[in-house]
Amino acid sequence: MCIRDRVSTQSTGNRNIAMNRLHRITAHLAPAQAAGAEYTMDEVSKHNTSKDCWVVVGDMVLNVTEFLPDHPGGKKAIMLYAGKDATEEFDMLHKREVIDKYAPEAKIGTLKK
């Protein structure tokens, strides 16, 4: 096998891994979640376990359940804010653009005012 074949195989493998991950993340979403619904803090607060973890950042509601194992700061850092508004802590550590870069699929809606 030449280098070009190995690179091609690796690229295909990486694409397959990425597509499988995206499917795994979005497969459980209800249509309203996938479409970007509005949620109250009361609704968000019900999603406070590692098997079902939502947080609020700004006006965005994020389902970070599938992102937990991938978070560079560890799962526990997010779990402290499971079902809560994490805006203040998030903004101290990150720019909001990291959501789009590393977990765009986590955005499921906005917070009702």
N, C-alpha and C. Protein backbone atom coordinates (compact mmCIF):
# COMPACT_ATOMS: atom_id res chain seq x y z
N MET A 1 0.85 -1.17 0.00
CA MET A 1 0.00 0.00 0.00
C MET A 1 0.90 1.24 0.00
N CYS A 2 0.65 2.15 -0.90
CA CYS A 2 1.46 3.37 -0.96
C CYS A 2 0.90 4.40 0.02
N ILE A 3 1.68 5.45 0.25
CA ILE A 3 1.28 6.50 1.19
C ILE A 3 -0.04 7.13 0.78
N ARG A 4 -0.22 7.40 -0.53
CA ARG A 4 -1.45 8.01 -0.99
C ARG A 4 -2.65 7.13 -0.64
N ASP A 5 -2.54 5.83 -0.78
CA ASP A 5 -3.63 4.92 -0.44
C ASP A 5 -3.93 4.95 1.06
N ARG A 6 -2.86 4.99 1.85
CA ARG A 6 -3.06 5.05 3.30
C ARG A 6 -3.76 6.34 3.70
N VAL A 7 -3.33 7.46 3.13
CA VAL A 7 -3.96 8.75 3.44
C VAL A 7 -5.42 8.74 3.02
N SER A 8 -5.67 8.20 1.83
CA SER A 8 -7.05 8.12 1.33
C SER A 8 -7.90 7.26 2.26
N THR A 9 -7.35 6.13 2.70
CA THR A 9 -8.07 5.25 3.62
C THR A 9 -8.30 5.95 4.95
N GLN A 10 -7.28 6.65 5.46
CA GLN A 10 -7.43 7.36 6.72
C GLN A 10 -8.48 8.45 6.59
N SER A 11 -8.46 9.19 5.50
CA SER A 11 -9.44 10.26 5.30
C SER A 11 -10.85 9.69 5.27
N THR A 12 -11.03 8.60 4.55
CA THR A 12 -12.34 7.96 4.48
C THR A 12 -12.75 7.48 5.86
N GLY A 13 -11.81 6.87 6.58
CA GLY A 13 -12.10 6.41 7.93
C GLY A 13 -12.50 7.55 8.85
N ASN A 14 -11.78 8.67 8.77
CA ASN A 14 -12.11 9.83 9.59
C ASN A 14 -13.48 10.39 9.25
N ARG A 15 -13.80 10.43 7.95
CA ARG A 15 -15.13 10.90 7.55
C ARG A 15 -16.20 9.98 8.10
N ASN A 16 -15.96 8.68 8.04
CA ASN A 16 -16.93 7.73 8.57
C ASN A 16 -17.11 7.90 10.07
N ILE A 17 -16.01 8.10 10.78
CA ILE A 17 -16.09 8.33 12.22
C ILE A 17 -16.89 9.58 12.51
N ALA A 18 -16.60 10.65 11.77
CA ALA A 18 -17.31 11.92 11.97
C ALA A 18 -18.80 11.77 11.68
N MET A 19 -19.14 11.08 10.59
CA MET A 19 -20.55 10.89 10.24
C MET A 19 -21.26 10.01 11.26
N ASN A 20 -20.58 8.97 11.75
CA ASN A 20 -21.18 8.13 12.78
C ASN A 20 -21.42 8.92 14.05
N ARG A 21 -20.46 9.77 14.41
CA ARG A 21 -20.61 10.59 15.61
C ARG A 21 -21.77 11.56 15.45
N LEU A 22 -21.86 12.22 14.30
CA LEU A 22 -22.95 13.15 14.05
C LEU A 22 -24.29 12.43 14.11
N HIS A 23 -24.37 11.25 13.51
CA HIS A 23 -25.61 10.48 13.54
C HIS A 23 -25.97 10.11 14.98
N ARG A 24 -24.98 9.66 15.75
CA ARG A 24 -25.21 9.27 17.14
C ARG A 24 -25.73 10.46 17.94
N ILE A 25 -25.18 11.64 17.68
CA ILE A 25 -25.56 12.83 18.42
C ILE A 25 -26.96 13.29 18.07
N THR A 26 -27.31 13.25 16.79
CA THR A 26 -28.58 13.81 16.36
C THR A 26 -29.71 12.81 16.28
N ALA A 27 -29.42 11.52 16.32
CA ALA A 27 -30.45 10.51 16.14
C ALA A 27 -31.55 10.57 17.20
N HIS A 28 -31.22 10.95 18.41
CA HIS A 28 -32.20 10.96 19.49
C HIS A 28 -32.98 12.27 19.59
N LEU A 29 -32.63 13.27 18.78
CA LEU A 29 -33.30 14.55 18.87
C LEU A 29 -34.71 14.49 18.32
N ALA A 30 -35.62 15.05 19.06
CA ALA A 30 -36.98 15.20 18.55
C ALA A 30 -36.96 16.28 17.49
N PRO A 31 -37.93 16.29 16.57
CA PRO A 31 -37.94 17.31 15.52
C PRO A 31 -37.88 18.73 16.06
N ALA A 32 -38.55 19.01 17.17
CA ALA A 32 -38.51 20.37 17.72
C ALA A 32 -37.10 20.74 18.17
N GLN A 33 -36.36 19.79 18.74
CA GLN A 33 -35.00 20.07 19.15
C GLN A 33 -34.13 20.34 17.94
N ALA A 34 -34.25 19.52 16.95
CA ALA A 34 -33.42 19.67 15.77
C ALA A 34 -33.73 20.98 15.05
N ALA A 35 -34.96 21.47 15.15
CA ALA A 35 -35.37 22.68 14.45
C ALA A 35 -35.02 23.95 15.21
N GLY A 36 -34.63 23.85 16.46
CA GLY A 36 -34.27 25.04 17.23
C GLY A 36 -35.45 25.64 17.96
N ALA A 37 -36.06 24.90 18.83
CA ALA A 37 -37.22 25.35 19.60
C ALA A 37 -36.81 26.32 20.71
N GLU A 38 -37.80 26.84 21.41
CA GLU A 38 -37.56 27.68 22.58
C GLU A 38 -37.85 26.87 23.83
N TYR A 39 -37.03 27.09 24.86
CA TYR A 39 -37.18 26.36 26.11
C TYR A 39 -37.14 27.33 27.28
N THR A 40 -37.86 26.99 28.34
CA THR A 40 -37.80 27.76 29.58
C THR A 40 -36.69 27.18 30.45
N MET A 41 -36.26 27.95 31.45
CA MET A 41 -35.26 27.41 32.39
C MET A 41 -35.83 26.22 33.15
N ASP A 42 -37.13 26.22 33.38
CA ASP A 42 -37.76 25.08 34.05
C ASP A 42 -37.58 23.81 33.22
N GLU A 43 -37.77 23.93 31.89
CA GLU A 43 -37.57 22.77 31.01
C GLU A 43 -36.11 22.33 31.00
N VAL A 44 -35.21 23.30 30.92
CA VAL A 44 -33.77 23.00 30.90
C VAL A 44 -33.36 22.29 32.18
N SER A 45 -33.89 22.73 33.31
CA SER A 45 -33.49 22.18 34.62
C SER A 45 -33.78 20.69 34.77
N LYS A 46 -34.68 20.16 33.95
CA LYS A 46 -35.02 18.73 34.01
C LYS A 46 -33.94 17.85 33.38
N HIS A 47 -33.02 18.46 32.64
CA HIS A 47 -31.98 17.71 31.91
C HIS A 47 -30.65 17.89 32.64
N ASN A 48 -30.51 17.21 33.76
CA ASN A 48 -29.40 17.47 34.67
C ASN A 48 -28.60 16.23 35.05
N THR A 49 -28.56 15.26 34.15
CA THR A 49 -27.78 14.05 34.40
C THR A 49 -26.77 13.84 33.26
N SER A 50 -25.82 12.96 33.49
CA SER A 50 -24.83 12.70 32.45
C SER A 50 -25.43 11.96 31.25
N LYS A 51 -26.60 11.39 31.42
CA LYS A 51 -27.30 10.71 30.32
C LYS A 51 -28.22 11.66 29.56
N ASP A 52 -28.44 12.84 30.12
CA ASP A 52 -29.33 13.84 29.52
C ASP A 52 -28.95 15.20 30.09
N CYS A 53 -27.99 15.86 29.47
CA CYS A 53 -27.39 17.07 30.03
C CYS A 53 -27.57 18.27 29.11
N TRP A 54 -28.33 19.25 29.59
CA TRP A 54 -28.51 20.50 28.88
C TRP A 54 -27.93 21.63 29.72
N VAL A 55 -27.40 22.64 29.06
CA VAL A 55 -26.96 23.86 29.73
C VAL A 55 -27.39 25.05 28.88
N VAL A 56 -27.40 26.21 29.51
CA VAL A 56 -27.70 27.46 28.82
C VAL A 56 -26.42 28.28 28.77
N VAL A 57 -26.13 28.83 27.60
CA VAL A 57 -25.02 29.78 27.44
C VAL A 57 -25.60 30.96 26.66
N GLY A 58 -25.68 32.10 27.32
CA GLY A 58 -26.32 33.26 26.71
C GLY A 58 -27.79 32.95 26.50
N ASP A 59 -28.25 33.06 25.26
CA ASP A 59 -29.64 32.71 24.97
C ASP A 59 -29.75 31.34 24.31
N MET A 60 -28.63 30.62 24.21
CA MET A 60 -28.62 29.31 23.57
C MET A 60 -28.87 28.19 24.58
N VAL A 61 -29.69 27.24 24.19
CA VAL A 61 -29.88 26.02 24.97
C VAL A 61 -29.08 24.94 24.25
N LEU A 62 -28.19 24.30 25.01
CA LEU A 62 -27.29 23.30 24.45
C LEU A 62 -27.55 21.94 25.08
N ASN A 63 -27.71 20.93 24.23
CA ASN A 63 -27.76 19.55 24.71
C ASN A 63 -26.34 19.02 24.56
N VAL A 64 -25.61 18.99 25.65
CA VAL A 64 -24.19 18.62 25.63
C VAL A 64 -23.95 17.17 26.04
N THR A 65 -24.99 16.38 26.09
CA THR A 65 -24.88 14.99 26.53
C THR A 65 -23.79 14.23 25.78
N GLU A 66 -23.81 14.30 24.47
CA GLU A 66 -22.85 13.55 23.66
C GLU A 66 -21.46 14.20 23.66
N PHE A 67 -21.39 15.48 24.02
CA PHE A 67 -20.11 16.19 24.05
C PHE A 67 -19.35 15.95 25.35
N LEU A 68 -20.02 15.52 26.39
CA LEU A 68 -19.38 15.35 27.71
C LEU A 68 -18.05 14.59 27.66
N PRO A 69 -17.98 13.42 27.00
CA PRO A 69 -16.69 12.71 27.01
C PRO A 69 -15.60 13.41 26.19
N ASP A 70 -16.00 14.33 25.31
CA ASP A 70 -15.02 15.02 24.46
C ASP A 70 -14.53 16.34 25.03
N HIS A 71 -15.15 16.82 26.10
CA HIS A 71 -14.79 18.13 26.65
C HIS A 71 -13.37 18.09 27.21
N PRO A 72 -12.50 18.95 26.70
CA PRO A 72 -11.10 18.94 27.15
C PRO A 72 -10.92 19.18 28.64
N GLY A 73 -11.84 19.92 29.25
CA GLY A 73 -11.75 20.18 30.68
C GLY A 73 -12.37 19.10 31.54
N GLY A 74 -12.87 18.06 30.89
CA GLY A 74 -13.48 16.95 31.61
C GLY A 74 -14.98 17.09 31.74
N LYS A 75 -15.61 15.98 31.90
CA LYS A 75 -17.07 15.89 32.03
C LYS A 75 -17.58 16.66 33.26
N LYS A 76 -16.83 16.57 34.34
CA LYS A 76 -17.27 17.17 35.61
C LYS A 76 -17.43 18.68 35.50
N ALA A 77 -16.57 19.32 34.70
CA ALA A 77 -16.65 20.78 34.54
C ALA A 77 -18.01 21.20 33.98
N ILE A 78 -18.55 20.41 33.06
CA ILE A 78 -19.87 20.71 32.49
C ILE A 78 -20.97 20.26 33.45
N MET A 79 -20.80 19.11 34.07
CA MET A 79 -21.85 18.57 34.93
C MET A 79 -22.17 19.49 36.11
N LEU A 80 -21.24 20.33 36.51
CA LEU A 80 -21.53 21.30 37.57
C LEU A 80 -22.66 22.24 37.18
N TYR A 81 -22.89 22.39 35.87
CA TYR A 81 -23.91 23.30 35.36
C TYR A 81 -25.03 22.58 34.64
N ALA A 82 -25.12 21.28 34.80
CA ALA A 82 -26.18 20.50 34.14
C ALA A 82 -27.55 21.02 34.56
N GLY A 83 -28.36 21.36 33.55
CA GLY A 83 -29.70 21.88 33.83
C GLY A 83 -29.72 23.32 34.29
N LYS A 84 -28.59 24.02 34.15
CA LYS A 84 -28.48 25.39 34.68
C LYS A 84 -27.94 26.35 33.63
N ASP A 85 -27.91 27.62 34.00
CA ASP A 85 -27.31 28.65 33.17
C ASP A 85 -25.81 28.67 33.45
N ALA A 86 -25.02 28.32 32.44
CA ALA A 86 -23.57 28.25 32.58
C ALA A 86 -22.87 29.46 31.96
N THR A 87 -23.62 30.48 31.60
CA THR A 87 -23.09 31.62 30.85
C THR A 87 -21.88 32.27 31.52
N GLU A 88 -22.01 32.61 32.77
CA GLU A 88 -20.93 33.34 33.46
C GLU A 88 -19.63 32.54 33.47
N GLU A 89 -19.72 31.28 33.85
CA GLU A 89 -18.53 30.43 33.90
C GLU A 89 -17.98 30.18 32.50
N PHE A 90 -18.86 29.89 31.56
CA PHE A 90 -18.44 29.64 30.17
C PHE A 90 -17.68 30.84 29.61
N ASP A 91 -18.25 32.02 29.80
CA ASP A 91 -17.64 33.24 29.24
C ASP A 91 -16.29 33.57 29.88
N MET A 92 -16.08 33.13 31.11
CA MET A 92 -14.78 33.35 31.75
C MET A 92 -13.69 32.49 31.12
N LEU A 93 -14.08 31.36 30.57
CA LEU A 93 -13.11 30.39 30.06
C LEU A 93 -13.02 30.29 28.55
N HIS A 94 -14.10 30.65 27.85
CA HIS A 94 -14.18 30.41 26.41
C HIS A 94 -14.73 31.62 25.67
N LYS A 95 -14.47 31.64 24.38
CA LYS A 95 -15.19 32.52 23.48
C LYS A 95 -16.38 31.72 22.98
N ARG A 96 -17.47 32.38 22.71
CA ARG A 96 -18.68 31.67 22.29
C ARG A 96 -18.49 30.92 20.98
N GLU A 97 -17.54 31.38 20.16
CA GLU A 97 -17.30 30.72 18.87
C GLU A 97 -16.90 29.25 19.01
N VAL A 98 -16.38 28.87 20.18
CA VAL A 98 -15.95 27.47 20.34
C VAL A 98 -17.13 26.51 20.26
N ILE A 99 -18.32 27.00 20.55
CA ILE A 99 -19.51 26.13 20.44
C ILE A 99 -19.70 25.73 18.98
N ASP A 100 -19.65 26.70 18.09
CA ASP A 100 -19.80 26.40 16.66
C ASP A 100 -18.64 25.55 16.14
N LYS A 101 -17.47 25.77 16.69
CA LYS A 101 -16.30 25.04 16.21
C LYS A 101 -16.27 23.58 16.68
N TYR A 102 -16.56 23.35 17.97
CA TYR A 102 -16.39 22.02 18.54
C TYR A 102 -17.68 21.24 18.81
N ALA A 103 -18.79 21.94 18.93
CA ALA A 103 -20.03 21.22 19.23
C ALA A 103 -21.26 21.93 18.64
N PRO A 104 -21.24 22.21 17.34
CA PRO A 104 -22.38 22.91 16.75
C PRO A 104 -23.69 22.13 16.87
N GLU A 105 -23.59 20.81 16.89
CA GLU A 105 -24.76 19.97 16.99
C GLU A 105 -25.42 20.05 18.37
N ALA A 106 -24.73 20.63 19.34
CA ALA A 106 -25.28 20.75 20.69
C ALA A 106 -26.37 21.83 20.77
N LYS A 107 -26.35 22.79 19.85
CA LYS A 107 -27.35 23.86 19.87
C LYS A 107 -28.72 23.29 19.48
N ILE A 108 -29.65 23.32 20.45
CA ILE A 108 -30.97 22.76 20.17
C ILE A 108 -32.06 23.81 20.21
N GLY A 109 -31.75 25.01 20.65
CA GLY A 109 -32.78 26.04 20.70
C GLY A 109 -32.31 27.25 21.46
N THR A 110 -33.29 28.07 21.79
CA THR A 110 -33.01 29.31 22.53
C THR A 110 -33.81 29.33 23.82
N LEU A 111 -33.37 30.18 24.71
CA LEU A 111 -34.04 30.32 26.00
C LEU A 111 -35.21 31.29 25.86
N LYS A 112 -36.38 30.89 26.33
CA LYS A 112 -37.54 31.78 26.31
C LYS A 112 -37.30 32.91 27.30
N LYS A 113 -37.65 34.08 26.90
CA LYS A 113 -37.49 35.26 27.78
C LYS A 113 -38.65 35.36 28.75
